[in-house]
Amino acid sequence: MDPLKIKINSRISQKNLHPIMNNTKWEKLQKAIINDFPIPPPFQVKYVLEDNPVPESFEGDVWYLGDWKEGILPFYSVEWIRVKPRYLKHKRRLIDDEVIDFTKGFRTLLQELKIPYVEKNNDFYIYGYISNTDLISKK
């Protein structure tokens, strides 16, 4: 077995985490975003073996997009991702940036793919593993 996977399984056991996603669900989500979604939405990822998410600061809207090809691999290492299905489009120096929002479409995508999620302040939390399964929405 892969040494990384052994470490991750050990940490999952220590933290008493329950699997929510599997490789098939992650792959479906990844492919749908890459092939069908209007933008690759920015995200923050928390890996099982790391103490802090990347990027650490992710409170406001951002100007960049997400790396959905390699940014969440390997899937089995993802404790959770926080997705902002919107971004700031720069206008000009003296004009405020425009928020380009795909929240409704992202919610629909998750529901169509039957991906469990938690929505807070228009951010979507998708858990690979979780300690309290009561938080998850299975719409």
N, C-alpha and C. Protein backbone atom coordinates (compact mmCIF):
# COMPACT_ATOMS: atom_id res chain seq x y z
N MET A 1 0.85 -1.19 0.00
CA MET A 1 0.00 0.00 0.00
C MET A 1 0.89 1.25 0.00
N ASP A 2 0.39 2.29 -0.60
CA ASP A 2 1.07 3.58 -0.69
C ASP A 2 1.35 4.13 0.72
N PRO A 3 2.60 4.52 1.02
CA PRO A 3 2.92 5.05 2.36
C PRO A 3 2.10 6.29 2.74
N LEU A 4 1.80 7.14 1.77
CA LEU A 4 0.97 8.32 2.05
C LEU A 4 -0.43 7.88 2.49
N LYS A 5 -0.98 6.92 1.79
CA LYS A 5 -2.33 6.45 2.13
C LYS A 5 -2.34 5.81 3.52
N ILE A 6 -1.28 5.13 3.90
CA ILE A 6 -1.18 4.54 5.23
C ILE A 6 -1.20 5.64 6.29
N LYS A 7 -0.44 6.71 6.08
CA LYS A 7 -0.42 7.84 7.02
C LYS A 7 -1.80 8.48 7.12
N ILE A 8 -2.42 8.68 5.97
CA ILE A 8 -3.74 9.31 5.95
C ILE A 8 -4.76 8.45 6.67
N ASN A 9 -4.76 7.15 6.41
CA ASN A 9 -5.70 6.25 7.09
C ASN A 9 -5.49 6.26 8.60
N SER A 10 -4.24 6.35 9.02
CA SER A 10 -3.93 6.41 10.45
C SER A 10 -4.50 7.70 11.06
N ARG A 11 -4.32 8.84 10.38
CA ARG A 11 -4.83 10.12 10.88
C ARG A 11 -6.35 10.13 10.89
N ILE A 12 -6.98 9.55 9.88
CA ILE A 12 -8.44 9.47 9.83
C ILE A 12 -8.95 8.70 11.04
N SER A 13 -8.28 7.62 11.35
CA SER A 13 -8.66 6.82 12.51
C SER A 13 -8.45 7.60 13.81
N GLN A 14 -7.32 8.28 13.94
CA GLN A 14 -7.02 9.07 15.14
C GLN A 14 -8.06 10.16 15.36
N LYS A 15 -8.48 10.82 14.28
CA LYS A 15 -9.42 11.94 14.38
C LYS A 15 -10.88 11.48 14.36
N ASN A 16 -11.08 10.17 14.27
CA ASN A 16 -12.42 9.59 14.23
C ASN A 16 -13.27 10.22 13.11
N LEU A 17 -12.70 10.27 11.91
CA LEU A 17 -13.38 10.84 10.76
C LEU A 17 -14.11 9.75 9.98
N HIS A 18 -15.22 10.14 9.37
CA HIS A 18 -16.02 9.23 8.56
C HIS A 18 -15.92 9.66 7.10
N PRO A 19 -15.72 8.72 6.18
CA PRO A 19 -15.64 9.08 4.76
C PRO A 19 -17.00 9.53 4.22
N ILE A 20 -16.98 10.60 3.46
CA ILE A 20 -18.19 11.11 2.83
C ILE A 20 -18.08 10.96 1.32
N MET A 21 -16.94 11.35 0.78
CA MET A 21 -16.68 11.28 -0.66
C MET A 21 -15.78 10.07 -0.94
N ASN A 22 -15.81 9.64 -2.20
CA ASN A 22 -14.88 8.62 -2.66
C ASN A 22 -14.29 9.09 -3.99
N ASN A 23 -13.33 8.35 -4.51
CA ASN A 23 -12.68 8.78 -5.75
C ASN A 23 -13.67 8.97 -6.90
N THR A 24 -14.67 8.11 -6.99
CA THR A 24 -15.66 8.22 -8.07
C THR A 24 -16.41 9.55 -7.99
N LYS A 25 -16.86 9.93 -6.79
CA LYS A 25 -17.59 11.20 -6.63
C LYS A 25 -16.67 12.39 -6.90
N TRP A 26 -15.44 12.34 -6.37
CA TRP A 26 -14.49 13.44 -6.63
C TRP A 26 -14.23 13.57 -8.13
N GLU A 27 -14.03 12.44 -8.81
CA GLU A 27 -13.77 12.48 -10.25
C GLU A 27 -14.95 13.04 -11.03
N LYS A 28 -16.17 12.65 -10.66
CA LYS A 28 -17.36 13.20 -11.31
C LYS A 28 -17.42 14.71 -11.15
N LEU A 29 -17.17 15.18 -9.92
CA LEU A 29 -17.19 16.62 -9.66
C LEU A 29 -16.09 17.31 -10.46
N GLN A 30 -14.89 16.78 -10.41
CA GLN A 30 -13.76 17.37 -11.13
C GLN A 30 -14.06 17.46 -12.63
N LYS A 31 -14.51 16.38 -13.22
CA LYS A 31 -14.80 16.36 -14.67
C LYS A 31 -15.92 17.33 -15.03
N ALA A 32 -16.96 17.38 -14.22
CA ALA A 32 -18.08 18.29 -14.49
C ALA A 32 -17.61 19.74 -14.46
N ILE A 33 -16.75 20.07 -13.52
CA ILE A 33 -16.26 21.45 -13.43
C ILE A 33 -15.33 21.76 -14.60
N ILE A 34 -14.42 20.87 -14.90
CA ILE A 34 -13.47 21.11 -16.00
C ILE A 34 -14.18 21.17 -17.34
N ASN A 35 -15.12 20.27 -17.57
CA ASN A 35 -15.73 20.15 -18.90
C ASN A 35 -17.01 20.96 -19.10
N ASP A 36 -17.78 21.19 -18.03
CA ASP A 36 -19.10 21.77 -18.22
C ASP A 36 -19.38 23.06 -17.48
N PHE A 37 -18.63 23.34 -16.41
CA PHE A 37 -18.95 24.53 -15.61
C PHE A 37 -18.32 25.76 -16.26
N PRO A 38 -18.98 26.93 -16.18
CA PRO A 38 -18.47 28.13 -16.86
C PRO A 38 -17.07 28.58 -16.38
N ILE A 39 -16.75 28.33 -15.11
CA ILE A 39 -15.44 28.70 -14.58
C ILE A 39 -14.95 27.56 -13.68
N PRO A 40 -13.63 27.45 -13.50
CA PRO A 40 -13.13 26.56 -12.45
C PRO A 40 -13.11 27.37 -11.15
N PRO A 41 -14.13 27.22 -10.30
CA PRO A 41 -14.26 28.10 -9.14
C PRO A 41 -13.08 27.99 -8.18
N PRO A 42 -12.71 29.12 -7.57
CA PRO A 42 -11.64 29.09 -6.57
C PRO A 42 -12.06 28.27 -5.36
N PHE A 43 -11.07 27.67 -4.71
CA PHE A 43 -11.36 26.86 -3.53
C PHE A 43 -10.21 26.92 -2.55
N GLN A 44 -10.55 26.56 -1.33
CA GLN A 44 -9.59 26.38 -0.24
C GLN A 44 -9.65 24.90 0.10
N VAL A 45 -8.51 24.28 0.29
CA VAL A 45 -8.49 22.84 0.57
C VAL A 45 -7.79 22.56 1.90
N LYS A 46 -8.38 21.65 2.65
CA LYS A 46 -7.79 21.19 3.92
C LYS A 46 -7.47 19.71 3.73
N TYR A 47 -6.19 19.39 3.81
CA TYR A 47 -5.76 18.01 3.68
C TYR A 47 -5.72 17.33 5.04
N VAL A 48 -5.99 16.06 5.08
CA VAL A 48 -6.04 15.28 6.31
C VAL A 48 -4.75 15.43 7.12
N LEU A 49 -3.60 15.42 6.46
CA LEU A 49 -2.33 15.45 7.17
C LEU A 49 -1.82 16.86 7.51
N GLU A 50 -2.52 17.88 7.07
CA GLU A 50 -2.09 19.26 7.32
C GLU A 50 -2.95 19.88 8.42
N ASP A 51 -2.35 20.80 9.16
CA ASP A 51 -3.09 21.50 10.21
C ASP A 51 -3.90 22.68 9.69
N ASN A 52 -3.42 23.31 8.62
CA ASN A 52 -4.07 24.50 8.08
C ASN A 52 -4.48 24.30 6.63
N PRO A 53 -5.59 24.93 6.24
CA PRO A 53 -6.01 24.84 4.84
C PRO A 53 -5.12 25.71 3.95
N VAL A 54 -5.22 25.46 2.64
CA VAL A 54 -4.48 26.21 1.63
C VAL A 54 -5.48 26.78 0.64
N PRO A 55 -5.49 28.10 0.39
CA PRO A 55 -4.75 29.12 1.12
C PRO A 55 -5.35 29.30 2.52
N GLU A 56 -4.53 29.80 3.43
CA GLU A 56 -5.01 29.97 4.82
C GLU A 56 -6.12 31.01 4.89
N SER A 57 -5.98 32.10 4.15
CA SER A 57 -6.99 33.17 4.15
C SER A 57 -7.88 33.01 2.91
N PHE A 58 -9.20 32.93 3.15
CA PHE A 58 -10.12 32.71 2.04
C PHE A 58 -11.50 33.29 2.39
N GLU A 59 -11.51 34.41 3.10
CA GLU A 59 -12.77 34.95 3.59
C GLU A 59 -13.54 35.74 2.54
N GLY A 60 -12.89 36.62 1.84
CA GLY A 60 -13.59 37.44 0.86
C GLY A 60 -13.54 36.83 -0.53
N ASP A 61 -14.21 37.47 -1.47
CA ASP A 61 -14.14 37.02 -2.86
C ASP A 61 -12.73 37.25 -3.38
N VAL A 62 -12.31 36.42 -4.33
CA VAL A 62 -10.95 36.47 -4.85
C VAL A 62 -10.97 36.69 -6.36
N TRP A 63 -9.84 37.08 -6.92
CA TRP A 63 -9.73 37.39 -8.34
C TRP A 63 -9.27 36.19 -9.17
N TYR A 64 -8.78 35.14 -8.50
CA TYR A 64 -8.22 34.00 -9.22
C TYR A 64 -9.22 32.85 -9.30
N LEU A 65 -8.91 31.90 -10.17
CA LEU A 65 -9.76 30.72 -10.33
C LEU A 65 -9.06 29.51 -9.72
N GLY A 66 -9.76 28.39 -9.63
CA GLY A 66 -9.21 27.20 -8.98
C GLY A 66 -8.53 26.25 -9.95
N ASP A 67 -7.55 25.52 -9.45
CA ASP A 67 -6.87 24.49 -10.24
C ASP A 67 -7.56 23.16 -9.98
N TRP A 68 -8.57 22.85 -10.76
CA TRP A 68 -9.35 21.64 -10.56
C TRP A 68 -8.70 20.42 -11.22
N LYS A 69 -7.64 20.62 -11.98
CA LYS A 69 -6.96 19.47 -12.59
C LYS A 69 -6.03 18.77 -11.60
N GLU A 70 -5.25 19.54 -10.87
CA GLU A 70 -4.28 18.95 -9.95
C GLU A 70 -4.40 19.46 -8.52
N GLY A 71 -5.20 20.50 -8.29
CA GLY A 71 -5.25 21.17 -7.00
C GLY A 71 -5.84 20.40 -5.85
N ILE A 72 -6.57 19.33 -6.12
CA ILE A 72 -7.16 18.56 -5.02
C ILE A 72 -6.73 17.09 -5.05
N LEU A 73 -5.63 16.83 -5.70
CA LEU A 73 -5.13 15.45 -5.78
C LEU A 73 -4.11 15.16 -4.70
N PRO A 74 -3.97 13.94 -4.23
CA PRO A 74 -4.88 12.83 -4.46
C PRO A 74 -6.17 13.02 -3.66
N PHE A 75 -7.27 12.60 -4.25
CA PHE A 75 -8.57 12.81 -3.64
C PHE A 75 -8.66 12.26 -2.22
N TYR A 76 -8.07 11.10 -1.98
CA TYR A 76 -8.19 10.47 -0.66
C TYR A 76 -7.50 11.26 0.45
N SER A 77 -6.73 12.28 0.08
CA SER A 77 -6.04 13.10 1.09
C SER A 77 -6.84 14.34 1.49
N VAL A 78 -7.96 14.61 0.83
CA VAL A 78 -8.74 15.82 1.06
C VAL A 78 -9.71 15.62 2.22
N GLU A 79 -9.51 16.39 3.29
CA GLU A 79 -10.47 16.37 4.39
C GLU A 79 -11.71 17.15 4.00
N TRP A 80 -11.50 18.35 3.43
CA TRP A 80 -12.61 19.15 2.91
C TRP A 80 -12.09 20.21 1.95
N ILE A 81 -13.01 20.69 1.10
CA ILE A 81 -12.72 21.87 0.29
C ILE A 81 -13.86 22.86 0.51
N ARG A 82 -13.49 24.12 0.43
CA ARG A 82 -14.45 25.22 0.54
C ARG A 82 -14.42 25.93 -0.80
N VAL A 83 -15.52 25.91 -1.52
CA VAL A 83 -15.58 26.43 -2.88
C VAL A 83 -16.35 27.75 -2.89
N LYS A 84 -15.78 28.74 -3.59
CA LYS A 84 -16.47 30.01 -3.85
C LYS A 84 -16.80 30.01 -5.35
N PRO A 85 -18.03 29.76 -5.71
CA PRO A 85 -18.38 29.71 -7.13
C PRO A 85 -18.57 31.11 -7.73
N ARG A 86 -17.61 31.97 -7.44
CA ARG A 86 -17.64 33.34 -7.94
C ARG A 86 -16.21 33.89 -7.88
N TYR A 87 -16.00 34.97 -8.59
CA TYR A 87 -14.69 35.61 -8.55
C TYR A 87 -14.84 37.09 -8.87
N LEU A 88 -13.79 37.84 -8.56
CA LEU A 88 -13.78 39.28 -8.83
C LEU A 88 -13.14 39.53 -10.19
N LYS A 89 -13.90 40.16 -11.07
CA LYS A 89 -13.38 40.51 -12.39
C LYS A 89 -12.92 41.97 -12.34
N HIS A 90 -11.65 42.17 -12.61
CA HIS A 90 -11.08 43.52 -12.57
C HIS A 90 -11.66 44.36 -13.70
N LYS A 91 -12.10 45.56 -13.37
CA LYS A 91 -12.65 46.47 -14.38
C LYS A 91 -11.55 47.44 -14.83
N ARG A 92 -11.39 48.49 -14.08
CA ARG A 92 -10.32 49.47 -14.32
C ARG A 92 -9.90 50.04 -12.99
N ARG A 93 -8.86 50.83 -13.01
CA ARG A 93 -8.29 51.33 -11.76
C ARG A 93 -9.29 52.03 -10.86
N LEU A 94 -10.13 52.86 -11.42
CA LEU A 94 -11.03 53.66 -10.59
C LEU A 94 -12.44 53.09 -10.49
N ILE A 95 -12.64 51.92 -11.06
CA ILE A 95 -13.95 51.27 -11.02
C ILE A 95 -13.83 50.00 -10.18
N ASP A 96 -14.81 49.80 -9.29
CA ASP A 96 -14.79 48.60 -8.45
C ASP A 96 -14.83 47.33 -9.30
N ASP A 97 -14.17 46.29 -8.79
CA ASP A 97 -14.21 44.99 -9.45
C ASP A 97 -15.65 44.47 -9.45
N GLU A 98 -15.98 43.70 -10.47
CA GLU A 98 -17.30 43.12 -10.60
C GLU A 98 -17.28 41.68 -10.07
N VAL A 99 -18.28 41.32 -9.28
CA VAL A 99 -18.39 39.94 -8.79
C VAL A 99 -19.14 39.14 -9.84
N ILE A 100 -18.46 38.12 -10.36
CA ILE A 100 -19.07 37.20 -11.32
C ILE A 100 -19.51 35.99 -10.50
N ASP A 101 -20.82 35.77 -10.40
CA ASP A 101 -21.38 34.79 -9.46
C ASP A 101 -22.04 33.61 -10.17
N PHE A 102 -21.59 32.40 -9.83
CA PHE A 102 -22.15 31.16 -10.36
C PHE A 102 -22.71 30.28 -9.23
N THR A 103 -23.11 30.91 -8.12
CA THR A 103 -23.57 30.17 -6.95
C THR A 103 -24.75 29.25 -7.27
N LYS A 104 -25.75 29.77 -7.94
CA LYS A 104 -26.94 28.97 -8.24
C LYS A 104 -26.58 27.76 -9.10
N GLY A 105 -25.77 27.97 -10.12
CA GLY A 105 -25.36 26.88 -11.00
C GLY A 105 -24.51 25.84 -10.28
N PHE A 106 -23.67 26.29 -9.34
CA PHE A 106 -22.83 25.36 -8.60
C PHE A 106 -23.68 24.50 -7.67
N ARG A 107 -24.67 25.11 -7.02
CA ARG A 107 -25.58 24.38 -6.16
C ARG A 107 -26.32 23.31 -6.97
N THR A 108 -26.80 23.70 -8.14
CA THR A 108 -27.50 22.76 -9.02
C THR A 108 -26.58 21.61 -9.43
N LEU A 109 -25.34 21.93 -9.77
CA LEU A 109 -24.37 20.90 -10.15
C LEU A 109 -24.17 19.89 -9.03
N LEU A 110 -23.96 20.38 -7.81
CA LEU A 110 -23.77 19.48 -6.67
C LEU A 110 -24.99 18.59 -6.46
N GLN A 111 -26.16 19.17 -6.61
CA GLN A 111 -27.39 18.40 -6.43
C GLN A 111 -27.55 17.35 -7.53
N GLU A 112 -27.25 17.73 -8.77
CA GLU A 112 -27.36 16.78 -9.87
C GLU A 112 -26.39 15.62 -9.71
N LEU A 113 -25.19 15.90 -9.21
CA LEU A 113 -24.17 14.86 -9.02
C LEU A 113 -24.34 14.11 -7.70
N LYS A 114 -25.32 14.55 -6.91
CA LYS A 114 -25.58 13.96 -5.59
C LYS A 114 -24.34 14.03 -4.69
N ILE A 115 -23.69 15.21 -4.74
CA ILE A 115 -22.52 15.47 -3.90
C ILE A 115 -23.03 16.12 -2.61
N PRO A 116 -22.81 15.50 -1.45
CA PRO A 116 -23.23 16.13 -0.20
C PRO A 116 -22.38 17.37 0.10
N TYR A 117 -23.02 18.40 0.62
CA TYR A 117 -22.31 19.65 0.90
C TYR A 117 -22.96 20.39 2.05
N VAL A 118 -22.22 21.38 2.54
CA VAL A 118 -22.74 22.33 3.52
C VAL A 118 -22.55 23.71 2.90
N GLU A 119 -23.61 24.51 2.89
CA GLU A 119 -23.53 25.85 2.33
C GLU A 119 -23.56 26.86 3.45
N LYS A 120 -22.53 27.72 3.50
CA LYS A 120 -22.46 28.79 4.49
C LYS A 120 -22.05 30.06 3.78
N ASN A 121 -22.87 31.09 3.86
CA ASN A 121 -22.57 32.41 3.27
C ASN A 121 -22.15 32.29 1.81
N ASN A 122 -22.88 31.49 1.04
CA ASN A 122 -22.63 31.27 -0.38
C ASN A 122 -21.31 30.57 -0.68
N ASP A 123 -20.65 30.01 0.32
CA ASP A 123 -19.50 29.13 0.12
C ASP A 123 -19.99 27.71 0.31
N PHE A 124 -19.41 26.78 -0.42
CA PHE A 124 -19.82 25.38 -0.36
C PHE A 124 -18.68 24.56 0.22
N TYR A 125 -18.98 23.83 1.28
CA TYR A 125 -18.01 22.93 1.91
C TYR A 125 -18.33 21.51 1.46
N ILE A 126 -17.37 20.89 0.85
CA ILE A 126 -17.51 19.51 0.40
C ILE A 126 -16.49 18.70 1.19
N TYR A 127 -17.00 17.75 1.93
CA TYR A 127 -16.15 16.99 2.85
C TYR A 127 -15.74 15.66 2.27
N GLY A 128 -14.44 15.39 2.32
CA GLY A 128 -13.95 14.06 2.02
C GLY A 128 -14.16 13.18 3.23
N TYR A 129 -13.93 13.77 4.40
CA TYR A 129 -14.10 13.09 5.69
C TYR A 129 -14.68 14.09 6.68
N ILE A 130 -15.46 13.59 7.62
CA ILE A 130 -16.07 14.49 8.60
C ILE A 130 -16.32 13.72 9.89
N SER A 131 -16.27 14.45 11.00
CA SER A 131 -16.51 13.78 12.28
C SER A 131 -18.00 13.77 12.64
N ASN A 132 -18.76 14.77 12.18
CA ASN A 132 -20.18 14.84 12.50
C ASN A 132 -20.98 14.85 11.19
N THR A 133 -21.52 13.69 10.84
CA THR A 133 -22.23 13.56 9.57
C THR A 133 -23.59 14.29 9.56
N ASP A 134 -24.04 14.77 10.71
CA ASP A 134 -25.31 15.51 10.76
C ASP A 134 -25.21 16.85 10.02
N LEU A 135 -24.00 17.35 9.78
CA LEU A 135 -23.82 18.64 9.11
C LEU A 135 -24.11 18.58 7.61
N ILE A 136 -24.08 17.41 7.04
CA ILE A 136 -24.11 17.28 5.59
C ILE A 136 -25.53 17.36 5.03
N SER A 137 -25.65 18.11 3.93
CA SER A 137 -26.91 18.22 3.19
C SER A 137 -26.88 17.23 2.04
N LYS A 138 -27.86 16.38 1.96
CA LYS A 138 -27.95 15.42 0.84
C LYS A 138 -29.20 15.73 0.04
N LYS A 139 -29.17 16.83 -0.64
CA LYS A 139 -30.35 17.29 -1.38
C LYS A 139 -30.45 16.62 -2.73
